[in-house]
Amino acid sequence: MAALSIQGLYFVVTLFLSSFFGSVFMLGPVLPVMILSPAWYRWLTDRIVATWLTLPVALLEVVFGVKVVITGDGFVPGERSVIIMNHRTRLDWMFLWCCLLRYSYLRLEKICLKAALKAVPGFGWAMQVAAFIFIHRKWEEDRRHMANMLEYFCDIREPVQLLLFPEGTDLTDNSRARSDKFADENGLPRYEYVLHPRTTGFTFIVDTLRKGDNLDAVHDITVAYPENIPQTERHLLSGSFPREIHFHVQRHAVASLPRQPELLEAWCRERWAEKEQRLRTFYAARPPAFAAPEARVPPCKSEWRVALVKTASLCYWTAFIALSTAGLWFWAPLRYYFLFMVVFFLGQQKAMGGLELIELACHRRRRGGAIGGASSKEE
């Protein structure tokens, strides 16, 4: 492993402490609202979590000087969408927040991600509260859970922008080799810059949200890094931050999408063939750049407003970490509360499977079992 850097350590420790203390002191007190009204609980916690999502953006852009370039269609602010993106590194989901801060509302974002991440203290607890969709890569099990979560969002009329990586994993030598093998076995071309997508989950999500009248568009985003590609968290710890992050956005209105599952799968595969060619062109250019000069839809926030949000986020979360640490050091009752919440977060996951499942159970109970078969614990 590369040597640790002060910058990288500061970035990771700041994100960890803010998520850990934020889960305990900001999200913990509102958990009882889940029992009274899951819809109000969702409204409230989405906004609390969104305040934290601004912190990685602020650290990347203000502290480490990462430049963000956005081209293509942009977003219609506040619309309900499925976001599909190539998975160049394990950190693409976090870097995307730089784009969404400008063109959308971070409170709308949900992510479809590996179930193992929900066990990470701090980060995982906040993801559970945020009702991210955790999957085990076992389709029958994932299909039931996905259906329950999506139907819940539709039932409470919760607008979401769900980020999905159809490739299933990030681009590495091993994953590319598996993708090449799949291509050879199915008579498909080999890709260099993307992996062949898995389309089953994508078509199911689009179909479920469309039936629930909770989908306006699909945003197809291509992400690229001209240099310094941090493949994993270890690269961040070593101080290997990207100098630039480029996002090319293509918006497809839901009315333009095929309705038949097999045609929608083919549509998704076509987007990935386009991504491969787009990325070839990007990396061949000097300097690397997507063809479109700028996003055709203006951002919903001006750059001065974005700068204000980033500055406020840095100030707030720095003070929050300092005050949380001081409070635990000097005030015994706060330590007891802190210990209780840590035990609760760990215990509820072991007993019930996660806070998002408890939320589903609360909603099902209020609606008399309307959500289709959601269990209180993942099987």
Protein backbone atom coordinates (compact mmCIF):
# COMPACT_ATOMS: atom_id res chain seq x y z
CA MET A 1 0.00 0.00 0.00
CA ALA A 2 1.21 3.50 -0.85
CA ALA A 3 2.33 5.76 1.99
CA LEU A 4 -0.32 7.74 3.80
CA SER A 5 -0.60 11.44 3.05
CA ILE A 6 -1.74 14.17 5.42
CA GLN A 7 -4.31 15.30 2.84
CA GLY A 8 -5.70 11.83 2.32
CA LEU A 9 -5.86 11.08 6.03
CA TYR A 10 -7.61 14.39 6.70
CA PHE A 11 -10.19 13.65 3.98
CA VAL A 12 -11.03 10.13 5.14
CA VAL A 13 -11.00 10.91 8.89
CA THR A 14 -13.18 14.00 8.41
CA LEU A 15 -15.75 12.05 6.40
CA PHE A 16 -15.74 9.19 8.90
CA LEU A 17 -16.11 11.34 12.03
CA SER A 18 -18.79 13.52 10.46
CA SER A 19 -20.82 10.50 9.34
CA PHE A 20 -20.33 8.73 12.68
CA PHE A 21 -21.24 11.69 14.87
CA GLY A 22 -23.92 12.79 12.41
CA SER A 23 -25.62 9.39 12.58
CA VAL A 24 -25.64 9.50 16.38
CA PHE A 25 -26.38 13.14 17.15
CA MET A 26 -28.33 14.35 14.09
CA LEU A 27 -30.13 11.26 12.78
CA GLY A 28 -30.53 9.40 16.06
CA PRO A 29 -33.00 11.87 17.67
CA VAL A 30 -35.37 11.75 14.66
CA LEU A 31 -35.62 7.94 14.46
CA PRO A 32 -38.85 7.83 16.56
CA VAL A 33 -40.59 9.85 13.82
CA MET A 34 -40.37 6.67 11.73
CA ILE A 35 -42.97 5.03 13.97
CA LEU A 36 -45.34 8.02 13.91
CA SER A 37 -45.11 8.75 10.18
CA PRO A 38 -42.64 7.03 7.83
CA ALA A 39 -43.41 9.64 5.13
CA TRP A 40 -42.48 12.56 7.39
CA TYR A 41 -39.47 10.63 8.65
CA ARG A 42 -38.33 10.19 5.04
CA TRP A 43 -38.87 13.88 4.28
CA LEU A 44 -36.87 14.94 7.33
CA THR A 45 -33.98 12.46 7.15
CA ASP A 46 -33.44 13.05 3.42
CA ARG A 47 -32.69 16.68 4.17
CA ILE A 48 -30.42 15.90 7.10
CA VAL A 49 -28.43 13.40 5.04
CA ALA A 50 -28.21 15.91 2.17
CA THR A 51 -26.34 18.34 4.44
CA TRP A 52 -23.63 15.69 4.84
CA LEU A 53 -23.48 14.93 1.11
CA THR A 54 -22.23 18.48 0.56
CA LEU A 55 -19.13 17.80 2.69
CA PRO A 56 -17.22 15.51 0.27
CA VAL A 57 -17.94 18.04 -2.48
CA ALA A 58 -16.54 20.85 -0.35
CA LEU A 59 -13.44 18.89 0.60
CA LEU A 60 -12.73 17.80 -2.96
CA GLU A 61 -13.25 21.17 -4.60
CA VAL A 62 -12.28 23.72 -1.93
CA VAL A 63 -9.57 21.91 0.02
CA PHE A 64 -8.04 19.76 -2.72
CA GLY A 65 -8.80 21.87 -5.78
CA VAL A 66 -10.55 19.21 -7.86
CA LYS A 67 -12.08 20.71 -11.01
CA VAL A 68 -15.50 19.49 -12.15
CA VAL A 69 -16.54 19.73 -15.83
CA ILE A 70 -20.16 18.95 -16.83
CA THR A 71 -21.27 18.62 -20.44
CA GLY A 72 -24.33 17.35 -22.30
CA ASP A 73 -27.97 17.78 -21.36
CA GLY A 74 -27.80 18.54 -17.67
CA PHE A 75 -30.84 17.94 -15.42
CA VAL A 76 -34.30 19.34 -15.00
CA PRO A 77 -34.08 20.29 -11.30
CA GLY A 78 -36.12 18.11 -8.97
CA GLU A 79 -37.28 15.57 -11.52
CA ARG A 80 -37.62 11.89 -10.67
CA SER A 81 -35.10 9.78 -12.49
CA VAL A 82 -32.92 6.71 -12.69
CA ILE A 83 -29.25 7.62 -13.10
CA ILE A 84 -27.09 5.06 -14.90
CA MET A 85 -23.34 5.59 -14.97
CA ASN A 86 -20.20 3.72 -15.92
CA HIS A 87 -18.27 2.50 -12.88
CA ARG A 88 -14.68 3.59 -13.47
CA THR A 89 -13.65 3.56 -9.80
CA ARG A 90 -15.15 2.46 -6.49
CA LEU A 91 -15.64 6.15 -5.66
CA ASP A 92 -17.70 7.32 -8.65
CA TRP A 93 -20.86 7.57 -6.54
CA MET A 94 -19.23 10.10 -4.22
CA PHE A 95 -17.74 12.16 -7.04
CA LEU A 96 -21.17 12.37 -8.69
CA TRP A 97 -22.34 14.57 -5.81
CA CYS A 98 -20.23 17.36 -7.31
CA CYS A 99 -22.52 17.22 -10.34
CA LEU A 100 -25.79 16.79 -8.45
CA LEU A 101 -25.05 19.70 -6.10
CA ARG A 102 -25.13 22.02 -9.12
CA TYR A 103 -27.82 20.43 -11.29
CA SER A 104 -30.22 18.78 -8.88
CA TYR A 105 -31.04 18.39 -5.19
CA LEU A 106 -28.91 16.03 -3.15
CA ARG A 107 -31.86 15.17 -0.93
CA LEU A 108 -33.39 13.23 -3.85
CA GLU A 109 -30.49 10.85 -4.34
CA LYS A 110 -30.65 7.18 -3.48
CA ILE A 111 -27.99 4.64 -4.43
CA CYS A 112 -28.26 0.98 -5.29
CA LEU A 113 -25.16 -0.56 -3.69
CA LYS A 114 -23.65 -3.66 -2.08
CA ALA A 115 -25.33 -4.83 1.13
CA ALA A 116 -21.99 -5.25 2.90
CA LEU A 117 -21.62 -1.45 3.04
CA LYS A 118 -24.53 -1.06 5.45
CA ALA A 119 -22.39 -2.63 8.19
CA VAL A 120 -19.76 0.16 8.01
CA PRO A 121 -20.10 2.28 11.20
CA GLY A 122 -21.14 5.83 10.46
CA PHE A 123 -21.36 5.65 6.67
CA GLY A 124 -23.47 2.49 6.66
CA TRP A 125 -25.78 3.74 9.40
CA ALA A 126 -26.48 6.96 7.50
CA MET A 127 -27.09 4.97 4.30
CA GLN A 128 -29.66 2.86 6.13
CA VAL A 129 -31.43 5.96 7.42
CA ALA A 130 -31.31 7.45 3.92
CA ALA A 131 -33.12 4.33 2.59
CA PHE A 132 -30.47 3.40 0.06
CA ILE A 133 -31.20 0.13 -1.71
CA PHE A 134 -28.77 -2.60 -0.61
CA ILE A 135 -28.35 -5.64 -2.82
CA HIS A 136 -26.70 -9.05 -2.39
CA ARG A 137 -26.26 -9.83 -6.09
CA LYS A 138 -28.70 -12.71 -5.77
CA TRP A 139 -31.44 -11.69 -8.14
CA GLU A 140 -34.46 -13.38 -6.58
CA GLU A 141 -33.64 -11.94 -3.16
CA ASP A 142 -32.65 -8.56 -4.57
CA ARG A 143 -35.77 -8.42 -6.74
CA ARG A 144 -38.08 -8.72 -3.72
CA HIS A 145 -36.23 -6.11 -1.71
CA MET A 146 -35.95 -3.75 -4.68
CA ALA A 147 -39.67 -4.06 -5.37
CA ASN A 148 -40.52 -3.32 -1.72
CA MET A 149 -38.30 -0.24 -1.60
CA LEU A 150 -39.44 1.18 -4.93
CA GLU A 151 -43.11 0.54 -4.21
CA TYR A 152 -42.65 2.27 -0.85
CA PHE A 153 -41.21 5.38 -2.53
CA CYS A 154 -44.11 5.37 -4.98
CA ASP A 155 -46.67 4.85 -2.23
CA ILE A 156 -45.51 7.84 -0.17
CA ARG A 157 -44.98 9.89 -3.35
CA GLU A 158 -41.30 10.28 -2.55
CA PRO A 159 -39.40 11.68 -5.56
CA VAL A 160 -36.08 9.91 -6.00
CA GLN A 161 -33.07 10.00 -8.26
CA LEU A 162 -31.78 6.45 -8.02
CA LEU A 163 -28.14 5.90 -8.98
CA LEU A 164 -27.46 2.51 -10.52
CA PHE A 165 -24.23 1.02 -11.88
CA PRO A 166 -25.38 -1.58 -14.42
CA GLU A 167 -21.81 -2.89 -14.78
CA GLY A 168 -22.09 -4.21 -11.24
CA THR A 169 -18.48 -3.45 -10.29
CA ASP A 170 -15.72 -0.96 -11.01
CA LEU A 171 -13.33 -1.22 -13.96
CA THR A 172 -10.19 -3.21 -13.09
CA ASP A 173 -8.01 -5.70 -14.92
CA ASN A 174 -9.95 -8.59 -13.35
CA SER A 175 -13.40 -7.18 -14.08
CA ARG A 176 -12.38 -6.33 -17.65
CA ALA A 177 -11.19 -9.91 -18.15
CA ARG A 178 -14.58 -11.21 -16.98
CA SER A 179 -16.34 -8.75 -19.27
CA ASP A 180 -14.19 -9.87 -22.21
CA LYS A 181 -15.03 -13.49 -21.50
CA PHE A 182 -18.74 -12.65 -21.45
CA ALA A 183 -18.35 -10.76 -24.73
CA ASP A 184 -16.54 -13.66 -26.40
CA GLU A 185 -19.16 -16.17 -25.25
CA ASN A 186 -22.03 -14.02 -26.52
CA GLY A 187 -20.55 -12.72 -29.75
CA LEU A 188 -20.21 -9.16 -28.45
CA PRO A 189 -17.36 -6.69 -28.96
CA ARG A 190 -14.73 -6.31 -26.27
CA TYR A 191 -14.70 -2.99 -24.45
CA GLU A 192 -11.65 -1.11 -23.16
CA TYR A 193 -13.19 1.74 -21.18
CA VAL A 194 -16.41 0.18 -19.86
CA LEU A 195 -17.73 -3.25 -18.88
CA HIS A 196 -20.69 -4.95 -20.48
CA PRO A 197 -23.77 -3.93 -18.45
CA ARG A 198 -26.13 -6.22 -16.57
CA THR A 199 -29.54 -5.09 -17.72
CA THR A 200 -31.98 -7.10 -15.57
CA GLY A 201 -31.94 -4.78 -12.56
CA PHE A 202 -32.12 -1.67 -14.71
CA THR A 203 -35.19 -2.80 -16.61
CA PHE A 204 -36.91 -3.92 -13.40
CA ILE A 205 -36.29 -0.57 -11.68
CA VAL A 206 -37.48 1.47 -14.66
CA ASP A 207 -40.58 -0.69 -15.07
CA THR A 208 -41.49 -0.54 -11.36
CA LEU A 209 -41.06 3.23 -11.08
CA ARG A 210 -42.91 3.79 -14.32
CA LYS A 211 -45.86 1.70 -13.13
CA GLY A 212 -45.85 3.66 -9.86
CA ASP A 213 -45.91 6.96 -11.77
CA ASN A 214 -42.67 8.00 -10.07
CA LEU A 215 -40.29 8.40 -13.03
CA ASP A 216 -39.72 11.35 -15.35
CA ALA A 217 -36.45 10.45 -17.06
CA VAL A 218 -33.35 8.30 -17.23
CA HIS A 219 -30.07 10.19 -16.93
CA ASP A 220 -27.23 8.40 -18.68
CA ILE A 221 -23.97 9.77 -17.26
CA THR A 222 -20.49 9.03 -18.50
CA VAL A 223 -17.73 9.83 -16.02
CA ALA A 224 -14.07 10.21 -16.97
CA TYR A 225 -10.84 11.18 -15.23
CA PRO A 226 -8.08 12.73 -17.37
CA GLU A 227 -5.41 11.83 -14.80
CA ASN A 228 -4.97 10.66 -11.22
CA ILE A 229 -7.69 8.01 -11.10
CA PRO A 230 -8.29 6.98 -7.46
CA GLN A 231 -9.47 3.40 -7.89
CA THR A 232 -10.15 2.71 -4.21
CA GLU A 233 -10.23 4.40 -0.81
CA ARG A 234 -6.57 3.48 -0.35
CA HIS A 235 -5.63 5.80 -3.20
CA LEU A 236 -7.38 8.66 -1.41
CA LEU A 237 -5.45 7.86 1.77
CA SER A 238 -2.24 8.15 -0.24
CA GLY A 239 -3.34 11.57 -1.50
CA SER A 240 -4.13 10.52 -5.07
CA PHE A 241 -7.05 12.84 -5.78
CA PRO A 242 -8.27 13.41 -9.33
CA ARG A 243 -7.30 16.78 -10.76
CA GLU A 244 -10.41 16.89 -12.92
CA ILE A 245 -13.67 14.93 -13.05
CA HIS A 246 -15.71 15.09 -16.26
CA PHE A 247 -19.41 14.21 -16.41
CA HIS A 248 -21.29 13.92 -19.69
CA VAL A 249 -25.05 13.84 -19.10
CA GLN A 250 -27.68 12.59 -21.51
CA ARG A 251 -31.32 12.94 -20.48
CA HIS A 252 -33.91 10.53 -21.87
CA ALA A 253 -37.55 11.35 -21.09
CA VAL A 254 -39.44 8.33 -19.80
CA ALA A 255 -41.91 8.59 -22.69
CA SER A 256 -39.06 7.94 -25.14
CA LEU A 257 -38.00 4.65 -23.51
CA PRO A 258 -39.14 1.27 -24.86
CA ARG A 259 -41.81 -0.45 -22.79
CA GLN A 260 -40.95 -4.05 -23.62
CA PRO A 261 -38.26 -5.43 -21.25
CA GLU A 262 -36.17 -6.96 -24.03
CA LEU A 263 -36.17 -3.68 -25.97
CA LEU A 264 -35.27 -1.73 -22.84
CA GLU A 265 -32.37 -4.13 -22.22
CA ALA A 266 -31.18 -3.56 -25.78
CA TRP A 267 -31.53 0.19 -25.25
CA CYS A 268 -29.26 -0.01 -22.19
CA ARG A 269 -26.65 -2.03 -24.09
CA GLU A 270 -26.71 0.58 -26.85
CA ARG A 271 -25.95 3.31 -24.32
CA TRP A 272 -22.90 1.35 -23.18
CA ALA A 273 -21.65 0.94 -26.73
CA GLU A 274 -21.97 4.72 -27.05
CA LYS A 275 -20.07 5.20 -23.77
CA GLU A 276 -17.19 3.10 -25.06
CA GLN A 277 -16.90 5.24 -28.17
CA ARG A 278 -17.38 8.47 -26.20
CA LEU A 279 -14.60 7.54 -23.79
CA ARG A 280 -12.28 6.54 -26.63
CA THR A 281 -12.78 9.99 -28.11
CA PHE A 282 -12.36 11.61 -24.69
CA TYR A 283 -8.98 10.03 -23.92
CA ALA A 284 -7.72 10.54 -27.49
CA ALA A 285 -8.31 14.30 -27.27
CA ARG A 286 -5.55 16.63 -26.10
CA PRO A 287 -6.35 17.70 -23.49
CA PRO A 288 -8.92 14.97 -22.74
CA ALA A 289 -12.46 16.33 -23.04
CA PHE A 290 -15.95 15.36 -24.12
CA ALA A 291 -17.08 16.81 -27.42
CA ALA A 292 -19.91 19.01 -26.08
CA PRO A 293 -18.49 22.31 -24.73
CA GLU A 294 -21.00 22.78 -21.91
CA ALA A 295 -24.24 21.50 -20.46
CA ARG A 296 -27.24 22.62 -22.52
CA VAL A 297 -29.47 22.93 -19.45
CA PRO A 298 -28.17 25.54 -16.98
CA PRO A 299 -27.53 24.43 -13.38
CA CYS A 300 -30.23 25.17 -10.83
CA LYS A 301 -27.64 26.85 -8.60
CA SER A 302 -25.25 29.62 -9.58
CA GLU A 303 -21.54 29.16 -8.93
CA TRP A 304 -21.59 31.73 -6.13
CA ARG A 305 -24.40 29.80 -4.45
CA VAL A 306 -22.48 26.55 -4.86
CA ALA A 307 -19.41 28.23 -3.36
CA LEU A 308 -21.53 29.45 -0.43
CA VAL A 309 -22.91 25.95 0.17
CA LYS A 310 -19.42 24.43 0.11
CA THR A 311 -18.02 27.06 2.50
CA ALA A 312 -20.95 26.66 4.90
CA SER A 313 -20.57 22.88 4.78
CA LEU A 314 -16.89 23.02 5.68
CA CYS A 315 -17.55 25.44 8.55
CA TYR A 316 -20.55 23.53 9.89
CA TRP A 317 -19.06 20.05 9.83
CA THR A 318 -15.70 21.16 11.22
CA ALA A 319 -17.48 22.82 14.14
CA PHE A 320 -19.84 19.85 14.53
CA ILE A 321 -16.97 17.37 14.84
CA ALA A 322 -15.16 19.61 17.32
CA LEU A 323 -18.27 20.17 19.46
CA SER A 324 -19.21 16.48 19.39
CA THR A 325 -15.72 15.50 20.52
CA ALA A 326 -15.70 18.13 23.27
CA GLY A 327 -19.19 17.16 24.43
CA LEU A 328 -18.21 13.50 24.74
CA TRP A 329 -15.09 14.46 26.66
CA PHE A 330 -16.71 16.83 29.15
CA TRP A 331 -20.36 15.73 29.53
CA ALA A 332 -21.20 12.30 30.94
CA PRO A 333 -24.90 12.23 29.89
CA LEU A 334 -23.83 12.73 26.28
CA ARG A 335 -21.49 9.78 26.57
CA TYR A 336 -24.34 7.59 27.83
CA TYR A 337 -26.54 8.69 24.93
CA PHE A 338 -23.67 8.08 22.50
CA LEU A 339 -23.10 4.57 23.84
CA PHE A 340 -26.83 3.80 23.71
CA MET A 341 -27.09 4.89 20.06
CA VAL A 342 -24.01 2.93 19.00
CA VAL A 343 -25.43 -0.20 20.64
CA PHE A 344 -28.79 0.49 19.00
CA PHE A 345 -27.33 0.89 15.50
CA LEU A 346 -25.34 -2.31 15.85
CA GLY A 347 -28.15 -4.26 17.52
CA GLN A 348 -30.97 -3.29 15.17
CA GLN A 349 -29.00 -4.43 12.14
CA LYS A 350 -28.27 -7.78 13.71
CA ALA A 351 -31.87 -8.24 14.88
CA MET A 352 -33.87 -6.58 12.10
CA GLY A 353 -31.51 -6.34 9.13
CA GLY A 354 -31.26 -2.56 8.86
CA LEU A 355 -33.15 0.65 9.51
CA GLU A 356 -34.52 0.79 5.97
CA LEU A 357 -36.28 -2.52 6.62
CA ILE A 358 -37.70 -1.24 9.91
CA GLU A 359 -38.97 1.80 7.99
CA LEU A 360 -40.69 -0.48 5.48
CA ALA A 361 -42.26 -2.48 8.31
CA CYS A 362 -43.55 0.71 9.96
CA HIS A 363 -45.13 1.86 6.72
CA ARG A 364 -46.64 -1.56 6.06
CA ARG A 365 -48.17 -1.58 9.52
CA ARG A 366 -49.71 1.86 9.00
CA ARG A 367 -51.10 0.80 5.62
CA GLY A 368 -52.37 -2.56 6.84
CA GLY A 369 -49.71 -4.67 5.08
CA ALA A 370 -50.00 -2.93 1.70
CA ILE A 371 -46.31 -3.10 0.77
CA GLY A 372 -45.81 -6.39 -0.97
CA GLY A 373 -44.36 -8.86 1.45
CA ALA A 374 -41.59 -6.77 2.98
CA SER A 375 -40.03 -8.73 5.77
CA SER A 376 -38.56 -7.18 8.86
CA LYS A 377 -35.24 -8.83 8.23
CA GLU A 378 -33.40 -9.63 5.01
CA GLU A 379 -33.42 -13.30 4.24
